[in-house]
Amino acid sequence: MKKLFIVKIGGNIIDDEKQLASFLNDFAFFTDYKLLIHGGGKIATDISKQLGIEANMVDGRRITDADTLKVVQMVYGGLINKNIVAQLQTRKCNAIGLTGADANIITANKRPVKEVDYGFVGDVEEVNAKNISALLDSEFTPVIAPLTHDGLGQILNTNADTMASAISVAMAKLNEVHLVYCFEKNGVLKNIEDENSVISTMNYSEYEKYKTENIISKGMIPKLDNAFDAIKSGVKSVSICHAKDLEYIFKEEKAGTKLL
């Protein structure tokens, strides 16, 4: 089985031109099988404001009404995705920008309305590992935006962390998959105010303990839920690290938090 690195880059790095350039240098330099999933950053919120569309968030999650969906399609699938692709091409990395609709790689179901109506938000239904593999085998590097489709013509806004986990699980049937979540922190921290308080390794029981002690909370919980789902479903390794440390993960050196 070929080794495949699946890297998800968080929005706060995308918003920082210098950090993004440094990250893309490291990502492009690595020549093995790889694909990139990117978040949306704050650009969609900024452009929404310029267009007079007020961003509506519930517990940190974006409500995607019809007007917001138009913005995220333009920003995620267009502006951010093609900017990353163009920057990778300058680094001799033959990237190809995709959404879930392209090559039918990711279908999703519109999230059902319960306590909150999230609008046009999709929960991943199926990942077409065969088509992604065809791109990899053709020496393309897929760069995937956080957008999926329902198979009936509807684009859906989908959480990038969830997409990274789902793609990793699907590809693990064909490859030795290493999933890396890169963001602006040095890893999972015991103390959010102390960048040096990185938890170097963590198993699921330790994760549950940290949650009950409120050491891990808020936005880190869904990220780790996705990460442990991947580990439980055949993904070889999952690391959570600062974007600047990606090169160490590629070299299989110690960096960030490794899940066991």
C-alpha atoms as a PDB file:
ATOM      1  CA  MET A   1       0.000   0.000   0.000  1.00  0.00           C
ATOM      2  CA  LYS A   2       1.239   3.477  -0.850  1.00  0.00           C
ATOM      3  CA  LYS A   3       1.710   6.027   1.903  1.00  0.00           C
ATOM      4  CA  LEU A   4      -0.693   8.973   1.519  1.00  0.00           C
ATOM      5  CA  PHE A   5      -0.576  12.178   3.529  1.00  0.00           C
ATOM      6  CA  ILE A   6      -3.900  14.005   3.820  1.00  0.00           C
ATOM      7  CA  VAL A   7      -3.389  17.518   5.149  1.00  0.00           C
ATOM      8  CA  LYS A   8      -6.082  19.907   6.324  1.00  0.00           C
ATOM      9  CA  ILE A   9      -5.093  23.558   6.651  1.00  0.00           C
ATOM     10  CA  GLY A  10      -7.121  25.814   8.949  1.00  0.00           C
ATOM     11  CA  GLY A  11      -8.650  29.161   8.121  1.00  0.00           C
ATOM     12  CA  ASN A  12      -6.441  31.279  10.369  1.00  0.00           C
ATOM     13  CA  ILE A  13      -3.374  30.250   8.363  1.00  0.00           C
ATOM     14  CA  ILE A  14      -5.172  30.946   5.087  1.00  0.00           C
ATOM     15  CA  ASP A  15      -5.895  34.471   6.343  1.00  0.00           C
ATOM     16  CA  ASP A  16      -2.172  35.094   6.963  1.00  0.00           C
ATOM     17  CA  GLU A  17      -0.318  35.544   3.669  1.00  0.00           C
ATOM     18  CA  LYS A  18       3.147  34.943   5.148  1.00  0.00           C
ATOM     19  CA  GLN A  19       2.187  31.824   7.130  1.00  0.00           C
ATOM     20  CA  LEU A  20       0.275  30.396   4.159  1.00  0.00           C
ATOM     21  CA  ALA A  21       3.280  30.884   1.854  1.00  0.00           C
ATOM     22  CA  SER A  22       5.582  29.120   4.324  1.00  0.00           C
ATOM     23  CA  PHE A  23       3.109  26.244   4.727  1.00  0.00           C
ATOM     24  CA  LEU A  24       2.753  25.822   0.952  1.00  0.00           C
ATOM     25  CA  ASN A  25       6.560  25.736   0.602  1.00  0.00           C
ATOM     26  CA  ASP A  26       6.680  22.737   2.946  1.00  0.00           C
ATOM     27  CA  PHE A  27       3.638  21.059   1.405  1.00  0.00           C
ATOM     28  CA  ALA A  28       4.922  21.439  -2.175  1.00  0.00           C
ATOM     29  CA  PHE A  29       8.425  20.230  -1.299  1.00  0.00           C
ATOM     30  CA  PHE A  30       7.107  16.855  -0.133  1.00  0.00           C
ATOM     31  CA  THR A  31       7.003  14.608  -3.211  1.00  0.00           C
ATOM     32  CA  ASP A  32       5.045  11.549  -1.994  1.00  0.00           C
ATOM     33  CA  TYR A  33       1.294  10.996  -2.427  1.00  0.00           C
ATOM     34  CA  LYS A  34      -0.557  13.885  -0.814  1.00  0.00           C
ATOM     35  CA  LEU A  35      -3.734  15.897  -0.954  1.00  0.00           C
ATOM     36  CA  LEU A  36      -4.811  19.134   0.698  1.00  0.00           C
ATOM     37  CA  ILE A  37      -8.151  20.140   2.213  1.00  0.00           C
ATOM     38  CA  HIS A  38      -8.549  23.792   3.123  1.00  0.00           C
ATOM     39  CA  GLY A  39     -10.887  25.697   5.393  1.00  0.00           C
ATOM     40  CA  GLY A  40     -12.617  28.938   4.580  1.00  0.00           C
ATOM     41  CA  GLY A  41     -10.927  31.525   6.734  1.00  0.00           C
ATOM     42  CA  LYS A  42     -12.524  34.869   7.472  1.00  0.00           C
ATOM     43  CA  ILE A  43     -12.615  35.951   3.838  1.00  0.00           C
ATOM     44  CA  ALA A  44     -16.189  34.738   3.315  1.00  0.00           C
ATOM     45  CA  THR A  45     -17.330  36.784   6.323  1.00  0.00           C
ATOM     46  CA  ASP A  46     -15.507  39.883   5.053  1.00  0.00           C
ATOM     47  CA  ILE A  47     -16.945  39.590   1.539  1.00  0.00           C
ATOM     48  CA  SER A  48     -20.425  38.901   2.950  1.00  0.00           C
ATOM     49  CA  LYS A  49     -20.208  42.193   4.837  1.00  0.00           C
ATOM     50  CA  GLN A  50     -19.152  44.027   1.676  1.00  0.00           C
ATOM     51  CA  LEU A  51     -22.197  42.587  -0.074  1.00  0.00           C
ATOM     52  CA  GLY A  52     -24.492  43.510   2.793  1.00  0.00           C
ATOM     53  CA  ILE A  53     -25.036  39.892   3.861  1.00  0.00           C
ATOM     54  CA  GLU A  54     -24.797  39.486   7.639  1.00  0.00           C
ATOM     55  CA  ALA A  55     -22.938  36.368   8.788  1.00  0.00           C
ATOM     56  CA  ASN A  56     -25.053  34.267  11.144  1.00  0.00           C
ATOM     57  CA  MET A  57     -23.134  31.934  13.469  1.00  0.00           C
ATOM     58  CA  VAL A  58     -24.406  29.503  16.116  1.00  0.00           C
ATOM     59  CA  ASP A  59     -21.789  28.016  18.485  1.00  0.00           C
ATOM     60  CA  GLY A  60     -19.073  28.901  15.992  1.00  0.00           C
ATOM     61  CA  ARG A  61     -20.845  27.219  13.067  1.00  0.00           C
ATOM     62  CA  ARG A  62     -21.961  29.219  10.041  1.00  0.00           C
ATOM     63  CA  ILE A  63     -25.659  29.230   9.129  1.00  0.00           C
ATOM     64  CA  THR A  64     -25.663  28.862   5.348  1.00  0.00           C
ATOM     65  CA  ASP A  65     -28.760  30.490   3.880  1.00  0.00           C
ATOM     66  CA  ALA A  66     -29.201  30.877   0.102  1.00  0.00           C
ATOM     67  CA  ASP A  67     -27.277  34.168  -0.110  1.00  0.00           C
ATOM     68  CA  THR A  68     -24.463  32.916   2.126  1.00  0.00           C
ATOM     69  CA  LEU A  69     -24.181  29.768   0.013  1.00  0.00           C
ATOM     70  CA  LYS A  70     -23.494  31.915  -3.063  1.00  0.00           C
ATOM     71  CA  VAL A  71     -20.706  33.689  -1.171  1.00  0.00           C
ATOM     72  CA  VAL A  72     -19.037  30.524   0.147  1.00  0.00           C
ATOM     73  CA  GLN A  73     -19.199  28.920  -3.297  1.00  0.00           C
ATOM     74  CA  MET A  74     -17.394  31.926  -4.757  1.00  0.00           C
ATOM     75  CA  VAL A  75     -14.899  32.296  -1.921  1.00  0.00           C
ATOM     76  CA  TYR A  76     -14.140  28.686  -0.981  1.00  0.00           C
ATOM     77  CA  GLY A  77     -14.421  27.048  -4.404  1.00  0.00           C
ATOM     78  CA  GLY A  78     -13.071  30.043  -6.308  1.00  0.00           C
ATOM     79  CA  LEU A  79     -10.977  32.682  -4.590  1.00  0.00           C
ATOM     80  CA  ILE A  80      -9.258  30.612  -1.877  1.00  0.00           C
ATOM     81  CA  ASN A  81      -9.036  27.333  -3.782  1.00  0.00           C
ATOM     82  CA  LYS A  82      -7.620  28.777  -6.983  1.00  0.00           C
ATOM     83  CA  ASN A  83      -5.221  31.035  -5.100  1.00  0.00           C
ATOM     84  CA  ILE A  84      -3.757  27.993  -3.324  1.00  0.00           C
ATOM     85  CA  VAL A  85      -3.617  26.016  -6.577  1.00  0.00           C
ATOM     86  CA  ALA A  86      -1.816  28.859  -8.376  1.00  0.00           C
ATOM     87  CA  GLN A  87       0.673  29.227  -5.520  1.00  0.00           C
ATOM     88  CA  LEU A  88       1.396  25.486  -5.551  1.00  0.00           C
ATOM     89  CA  GLN A  89       1.958  25.589  -9.321  1.00  0.00           C
ATOM     90  CA  THR A  90       4.691  28.217  -8.820  1.00  0.00           C
ATOM     91  CA  ARG A  91       6.326  25.694  -6.466  1.00  0.00           C
ATOM     92  CA  LYS A  92       6.291  22.953  -9.147  1.00  0.00           C
ATOM     93  CA  CYS A  93       3.448  21.084  -7.413  1.00  0.00           C
ATOM     94  CA  ASN A  94       0.885  20.078 -10.052  1.00  0.00           C
ATOM     95  CA  ALA A  95      -2.214  20.911  -8.015  1.00  0.00           C
ATOM     96  CA  ILE A  96      -5.803  20.573  -9.184  1.00  0.00           C
ATOM     97  CA  GLY A  97      -8.557  22.492  -7.372  1.00  0.00           C
ATOM     98  CA  LEU A  98     -11.753  20.637  -6.563  1.00  0.00           C
ATOM     99  CA  THR A  99     -15.029  20.707  -4.683  1.00  0.00           C
ATOM    100  CA  GLY A 100     -16.945  17.583  -3.756  1.00  0.00           C
ATOM    101  CA  ALA A 101     -18.969  17.961  -6.957  1.00  0.00           C
ATOM    102  CA  ASP A 102     -15.898  17.732  -9.204  1.00  0.00           C
ATOM    103  CA  ALA A 103     -15.403  14.157 -10.426  1.00  0.00           C
ATOM    104  CA  ASN A 104     -18.233  13.340  -7.981  1.00  0.00           C
ATOM    105  CA  ILE A 105     -15.642  12.876  -5.241  1.00  0.00           C
ATOM    106  CA  ILE A 106     -17.855  13.716  -2.229  1.00  0.00           C
ATOM    107  CA  THR A 107     -21.617  13.508  -1.904  1.00  0.00           C
ATOM    108  CA  ALA A 108     -23.443  14.754   1.169  1.00  0.00           C
ATOM    109  CA  ASN A 109     -26.909  15.040   2.680  1.00  0.00           C
ATOM    110  CA  LYS A 110     -28.393  18.381   3.646  1.00  0.00           C
ATOM    111  CA  ARG A 111     -28.304  18.526   7.438  1.00  0.00           C
ATOM    112  CA  PRO A 112     -31.784  17.887   8.890  1.00  0.00           C
ATOM    113  CA  VAL A 113     -33.410  20.665  10.901  1.00  0.00           C
ATOM    114  CA  LYS A 114     -33.399  19.959  14.640  1.00  0.00           C
ATOM    115  CA  GLU A 115     -32.802  22.626  17.304  1.00  0.00           C
ATOM    116  CA  VAL A 116     -31.054  24.747  14.647  1.00  0.00           C
ATOM    117  CA  ASP A 117     -31.667  25.105  10.911  1.00  0.00           C
ATOM    118  CA  TYR A 118     -28.153  25.278   9.462  1.00  0.00           C
ATOM    119  CA  GLY A 119     -29.476  25.860   5.960  1.00  0.00           C
ATOM    120  CA  PHE A 120     -27.420  24.520   3.061  1.00  0.00           C
ATOM    121  CA  VAL A 121     -24.931  22.608   5.203  1.00  0.00           C
ATOM    122  CA  GLY A 122     -23.957  19.104   4.157  1.00  0.00           C
ATOM    123  CA  ASP A 123     -23.025  16.035   6.181  1.00  0.00           C
ATOM    124  CA  VAL A 124     -20.739  13.714   4.201  1.00  0.00           C
ATOM    125  CA  GLU A 125     -22.494  10.659   2.800  1.00  0.00           C
ATOM    126  CA  GLU A 126     -19.905   9.067   0.509  1.00  0.00           C
ATOM    127  CA  VAL A 127     -16.335   9.650  -0.667  1.00  0.00           C
ATOM    128  CA  ASN A 128     -15.363   8.345  -4.109  1.00  0.00           C
ATOM    129  CA  ALA A 129     -11.909   7.007  -3.278  1.00  0.00           C
ATOM    130  CA  LYS A 130     -11.507   5.490  -6.750  1.00  0.00           C
ATOM    131  CA  ASN A 131     -11.765   8.868  -8.488  1.00  0.00           C
ATOM    132  CA  ILE A 132      -9.449  10.574  -5.983  1.00  0.00           C
ATOM    133  CA  SER A 133      -6.938   7.752  -6.500  1.00  0.00           C
ATOM    134  CA  ALA A 134      -7.136   8.235 -10.272  1.00  0.00           C
ATOM    135  CA  LEU A 135      -6.052  11.856  -9.826  1.00  0.00           C
ATOM    136  CA  LEU A 136      -3.217  10.880  -7.480  1.00  0.00           C
ATOM    137  CA  ASP A 137      -2.057   8.141  -9.857  1.00  0.00           C
ATOM    138  CA  SER A 138      -2.003  10.734 -12.653  1.00  0.00           C
ATOM    139  CA  GLU A 139       0.434  12.754 -10.488  1.00  0.00           C
ATOM    140  CA  PHE A 140      -2.048  15.501  -9.640  1.00  0.00           C
ATOM    141  CA  THR A 141      -2.204  16.915  -6.120  1.00  0.00           C
ATOM    142  CA  PRO A 142      -5.891  17.465  -5.238  1.00  0.00           C
ATOM    143  CA  VAL A 143      -6.708  20.673  -3.365  1.00  0.00           C
ATOM    144  CA  ILE A 144     -10.221  20.293  -2.011  1.00  0.00           C
ATOM    145  CA  ALA A 145     -12.508  23.146  -0.938  1.00  0.00           C
ATOM    146  CA  PRO A 146     -15.039  22.643   1.908  1.00  0.00           C
ATOM    147  CA  LEU A 147     -17.970  22.188  -0.461  1.00  0.00           C
ATOM    148  CA  THR A 148     -19.878  19.000  -1.322  1.00  0.00           C
ATOM    149  CA  HIS A 149     -22.988  18.198  -3.384  1.00  0.00           C
ATOM    150  CA  ASP A 150     -26.123  16.123  -2.898  1.00  0.00           C
ATOM    151  CA  GLY A 151     -26.111  14.421  -6.318  1.00  0.00           C
ATOM    152  CA  LEU A 152     -29.239  16.354  -7.304  1.00  0.00           C
ATOM    153  CA  GLY A 153     -27.559  19.597  -8.301  1.00  0.00           C
ATOM    154  CA  GLN A 154     -27.309  21.236  -4.886  1.00  0.00           C
ATOM    155  CA  ILE A 155     -23.950  22.459  -3.556  1.00  0.00           C
ATOM    156  CA  LEU A 156     -23.592  22.221   0.235  1.00  0.00           C
ATOM    157  CA  ASN A 157     -21.241  23.962   2.679  1.00  0.00           C
ATOM    158  CA  THR A 158     -19.382  21.259   4.630  1.00  0.00           C
ATOM    159  CA  ASN A 159     -17.011  21.373   7.589  1.00  0.00           C
ATOM    160  CA  ALA A 160     -13.427  20.952   6.367  1.00  0.00           C
ATOM    161  CA  ASP A 161     -12.304  18.937   9.427  1.00  0.00           C
ATOM    162  CA  THR A 162     -15.138  16.477   8.820  1.00  0.00           C
ATOM    163  CA  MET A 163     -14.261  16.233   5.133  1.00  0.00           C
ATOM    164  CA  ALA A 164     -10.629  15.523   5.998  1.00  0.00           C
ATOM    165  CA  SER A 165     -11.650  12.699   8.325  1.00  0.00           C
ATOM    166  CA  ALA A 166     -14.132  11.190   5.842  1.00  0.00           C
ATOM    167  CA  ILE A 167     -11.670  11.338   2.932  1.00  0.00           C
ATOM    168  CA  SER A 168      -8.965   9.758   5.106  1.00  0.00           C
ATOM    169  CA  VAL A 169     -11.219   6.871   6.124  1.00  0.00           C
ATOM    170  CA  ALA A 170     -12.228   6.199   2.511  1.00  0.00           C
ATOM    171  CA  MET A 171      -8.655   6.396   1.209  1.00  0.00           C
ATOM    172  CA  ALA A 172      -7.372   4.153   4.034  1.00  0.00           C
ATOM    173  CA  LYS A 173      -8.962   1.200   2.240  1.00  0.00           C
ATOM    174  CA  LEU A 174      -6.468   1.742  -0.589  1.00  0.00           C
ATOM    175  CA  ASN A 175      -3.461   3.406   1.070  1.00  0.00           C
ATOM    176  CA  GLU A 176      -1.535   3.787   4.306  1.00  0.00           C
ATOM    177  CA  VAL A 177      -3.100   7.112   5.305  1.00  0.00           C
ATOM    178  CA  HIS A 178      -1.585   9.726   7.597  1.00  0.00           C
ATOM    179  CA  LEU A 179      -3.975  12.569   8.440  1.00  0.00           C
ATOM    180  CA  VAL A 180      -2.557  15.919   9.562  1.00  0.00           C
ATOM    181  CA  TYR A 181      -4.602  18.822  10.907  1.00  0.00           C
ATOM    182  CA  CYS A 182      -2.545  22.026  10.614  1.00  0.00           C
ATOM    183  CA  PHE A 183      -3.600  25.251  12.305  1.00  0.00           C
ATOM    184  CA  GLU A 184      -2.212  28.234  14.238  1.00  0.00           C
ATOM    185  CA  LYS A 185      -1.515  26.416  17.540  1.00  0.00           C
ATOM    186  CA  ASN A 186       1.421  24.150  18.386  1.00  0.00           C
ATOM    187  CA  GLY A 187      -0.919  21.216  18.980  1.00  0.00           C
ATOM    188  CA  VAL A 188      -3.617  20.355  21.502  1.00  0.00           C
ATOM    189  CA  LEU A 189      -2.813  22.485  24.546  1.00  0.00           C
ATOM    190  CA  LYS A 190      -3.378  21.770  28.235  1.00  0.00           C
ATOM    191  CA  ASN A 191      -3.493  25.513  28.808  1.00  0.00           C
ATOM    192  CA  ILE A 192      -4.866  27.590  25.936  1.00  0.00           C
ATOM    193  CA  GLU A 193      -2.790  30.564  27.146  1.00  0.00           C
ATOM    194  CA  ASP A 194       0.487  28.608  27.061  1.00  0.00           C
ATOM    195  CA  GLU A 195       1.735  27.601  23.608  1.00  0.00           C
ATOM    196  CA  ASN A 196       4.319  25.302  25.202  1.00  0.00           C
ATOM    197  CA  SER A 197       1.727  23.173  27.050  1.00  0.00           C
ATOM    198  CA  VAL A 198       1.343  20.772  24.117  1.00  0.00           C
ATOM    199  CA  ILE A 199      -0.099  17.332  24.853  1.00  0.00           C
ATOM    200  CA  SER A 200       2.380  15.275  22.800  1.00  0.00           C
ATOM    201  CA  THR A 201       0.313  12.060  22.638  1.00  0.00           C
ATOM    202  CA  MET A 202      -3.299  11.291  23.493  1.00  0.00           C
ATOM    203  CA  ASN A 203      -5.501   8.208  23.413  1.00  0.00           C
ATOM    204  CA  TYR A 204      -9.299   8.233  23.501  1.00  0.00           C
ATOM    205  CA  SER A 205      -9.666   7.629  27.240  1.00  0.00           C
ATOM    206  CA  GLU A 206      -7.289  10.521  27.946  1.00  0.00           C
ATOM    207  CA  TYR A 207      -9.344  12.674  25.569  1.00  0.00           C
ATOM    208  CA  GLU A 208     -12.527  11.851  27.503  1.00  0.00           C
ATOM    209  CA  LYS A 209     -10.756  12.731  30.761  1.00  0.00           C
ATOM    210  CA  TYR A 210      -9.513  16.074  29.397  1.00  0.00           C
ATOM    211  CA  LYS A 211     -13.062  16.909  28.295  1.00  0.00           C
ATOM    212  CA  THR A 212     -14.538  16.229  31.728  1.00  0.00           C
ATOM    213  CA  GLU A 213     -11.821  18.414  33.272  1.00  0.00           C
ATOM    214  CA  ASN A 214     -12.607  21.160  30.728  1.00  0.00           C
ATOM    215  CA  ILE A 215      -8.974  21.136  29.569  1.00  0.00           C
ATOM    216  CA  ILE A 216     -10.289  20.422  26.067  1.00  0.00           C
ATOM    217  CA  SER A 217     -13.425  22.351  25.120  1.00  0.00           C
ATOM    218  CA  LYS A 218     -15.241  24.407  22.482  1.00  0.00           C
ATOM    219  CA  GLY A 219     -13.939  24.176  18.909  1.00  0.00           C
ATOM    220  CA  MET A 220     -11.258  21.600  19.698  1.00  0.00           C
ATOM    221  CA  ILE A 221     -13.903  18.975  20.553  1.00  0.00           C
ATOM    222  CA  PRO A 222     -15.374  18.516  17.036  1.00  0.00           C
ATOM    223  CA  LYS A 223     -11.845  18.526  15.575  1.00  0.00           C
ATOM    224  CA  LEU A 224     -10.752  15.735  17.925  1.00  0.00           C
ATOM    225  CA  ASP A 225     -14.011  13.825  17.436  1.00  0.00           C
ATOM    226  CA  ASN A 226     -13.274  13.767  13.699  1.00  0.00           C
ATOM    227  CA  ALA A 227      -9.664  12.812  14.349  1.00  0.00           C
ATOM    228  CA  PHE A 228     -10.515   9.870  16.617  1.00  0.00           C
ATOM    229  CA  ASP A 229     -13.224   8.715  14.184  1.00  0.00           C
ATOM    230  CA  ALA A 230     -10.455   8.445  11.582  1.00  0.00           C
ATOM    231  CA  ILE A 231      -8.141   6.491  13.912  1.00  0.00           C
ATOM    232  CA  LYS A 232     -10.940   4.064  14.784  1.00  0.00           C
ATOM    233  CA  SER A 233     -11.699   3.517  11.080  1.00  0.00           C
ATOM    234  CA  GLY A 234      -8.305   2.427   9.804  1.00  0.00           C
ATOM    235  CA  VAL A 235      -6.307   5.638   9.357  1.00  0.00           C
ATOM    236  CA  LYS A 236      -2.686   4.884  10.275  1.00  0.00           C
ATOM    237  CA  SER A 237      -1.924   8.092  12.180  1.00  0.00           C
ATOM    238  CA  VAL A 238      -3.479  11.462  13.013  1.00  0.00           C
ATOM    239  CA  SER A 239      -1.428  14.497  14.043  1.00  0.00           C
ATOM    240  CA  ILE A 240      -2.551  17.985  15.079  1.00  0.00           C
ATOM    241  CA  CYS A 241       0.166  20.596  14.757  1.00  0.00           C
ATOM    242  CA  HIS A 242       1.134  24.136  13.842  1.00  0.00           C
ATOM    243  CA  ALA A 243       1.329  24.734  10.093  1.00  0.00           C
ATOM    244  CA  LYS A 244       5.033  25.578  10.442  1.00  0.00           C
ATOM    245  CA  ASP A 245       5.717  22.057  11.745  1.00  0.00           C
ATOM    246  CA  LEU A 246       4.305  20.165   8.756  1.00  0.00           C
ATOM    247  CA  GLU A 247       7.792  19.318   7.480  1.00  0.00           C
ATOM    248  CA  TYR A 248       8.516  17.411  10.714  1.00  0.00           C
ATOM    249  CA  ILE A 249       5.345  15.345  10.311  1.00  0.00           C
ATOM    250  CA  PHE A 250       6.332  14.500   6.728  1.00  0.00           C
ATOM    251  CA  LYS A 251       9.708  13.315   8.052  1.00  0.00           C
ATOM    252  CA  GLU A 252       7.879  11.353  10.795  1.00  0.00           C
ATOM    253  CA  GLU A 253       9.603  13.405  13.474  1.00  0.00           C
ATOM    254  CA  LYS A 254       7.978  14.537  16.704  1.00  0.00           C
ATOM    255  CA  ALA A 255       5.719  17.599  16.407  1.00  0.00           C
ATOM    256  CA  GLY A 256       2.368  18.697  17.750  1.00  0.00           C
ATOM    257  CA  THR A 257      -0.084  16.165  19.188  1.00  0.00           C
ATOM    258  CA  LYS A 258      -0.202  12.581  17.915  1.00  0.00           C
ATOM    259  CA  LEU A 259      -3.366  10.587  18.542  1.00  0.00           C
ATOM    260  CA  LEU A 260      -3.053   6.963  19.613  1.00  0.00           C
END
